[in-house]
Amino acid sequence: MVTEPAYTGARLYDTFLNQREAARPQDWPTANAIRDQANQSGLVIEDSPQGPRWSLGPR
């Protein structure tokens, strides 16, 4: 059995862009909800003084 990663290609890009779009107008509840959902699936989105960073974490 082959296990597919939770985030690949377009889905990874779309999730990251959706989170950034919510953060831009300071819609923090939506941005945080998207970030939390992504984190649960293995995509870690972090804000830093240099800008947003993402990485693939444990699922």
Protein backbone atom coordinates (compact mmCIF):
# COMPACT_ATOMS: atom_id res chain seq x y z
CA MET A 1 0.00 0.00 0.00
CA VAL A 2 1.35 3.43 -0.98
CA THR A 3 0.60 6.31 1.37
CA GLU A 4 0.02 9.63 -0.34
CA PRO A 5 1.37 12.74 1.37
CA ALA A 6 -1.28 15.05 2.82
CA TYR A 7 0.04 18.02 0.84
CA THR A 8 1.30 17.88 -2.71
CA GLY A 9 1.71 20.36 -5.52
CA ALA A 10 -1.31 22.58 -6.07
CA ARG A 11 -2.92 21.77 -2.69
CA LEU A 12 0.21 22.89 -0.84
CA TYR A 13 0.34 26.12 -2.85
CA ASP A 14 -3.39 26.83 -2.46
CA THR A 15 -3.32 26.28 1.31
CA PHE A 16 -0.34 28.59 1.74
CA LEU A 17 -1.92 31.30 -0.44
CA ASN A 18 -5.27 31.05 1.35
CA GLN A 19 -3.56 31.49 4.71
CA ARG A 20 -1.61 34.51 3.45
CA GLU A 21 -4.72 36.09 1.91
CA ALA A 22 -6.54 35.80 5.23
CA ALA A 23 -3.57 37.29 7.10
CA ARG A 24 -3.17 40.25 4.75
CA PRO A 25 -6.35 42.10 5.84
CA GLN A 26 -5.63 40.92 9.39
CA ASP A 27 -8.41 38.33 9.44
CA TRP A 28 -6.53 36.53 12.19
CA PRO A 29 -9.27 34.01 13.10
CA THR A 30 -9.43 32.74 9.50
CA ALA A 31 -5.65 32.80 9.05
CA ASN A 32 -5.17 30.90 12.32
CA ALA A 33 -7.85 28.33 11.43
CA ILE A 34 -6.19 27.65 8.06
CA ARG A 35 -2.78 27.40 9.77
CA ASP A 36 -4.13 24.98 12.39
CA GLN A 37 -5.76 22.78 9.75
CA ALA A 38 -2.54 22.74 7.72
CA ASN A 39 -0.47 21.90 10.80
CA GLN A 40 -2.68 18.89 11.54
CA SER A 41 -2.01 17.61 8.03
CA GLY A 42 1.74 18.11 8.18
CA LEU A 43 2.20 21.56 6.62
CA VAL A 44 3.75 23.96 9.12
CA ILE A 45 3.21 27.67 8.38
CA GLU A 46 5.13 30.09 10.60
CA ASP A 47 5.31 33.86 10.59
CA SER A 48 8.69 35.47 11.16
CA PRO A 49 10.04 39.03 11.00
CA GLN A 50 11.44 38.12 7.55
CA GLY A 51 8.04 36.92 6.33
CA PRO A 52 6.11 33.66 6.30
CA ARG A 53 7.91 30.31 6.21
CA TRP A 54 6.52 26.87 5.61
CA SER A 55 7.88 23.40 6.07
CA LEU A 56 6.63 19.85 6.03
CA GLY A 57 6.41 18.54 9.56
CA PRO A 58 5.30 15.27 11.11
CA ARG A 59 1.76 14.13 10.39
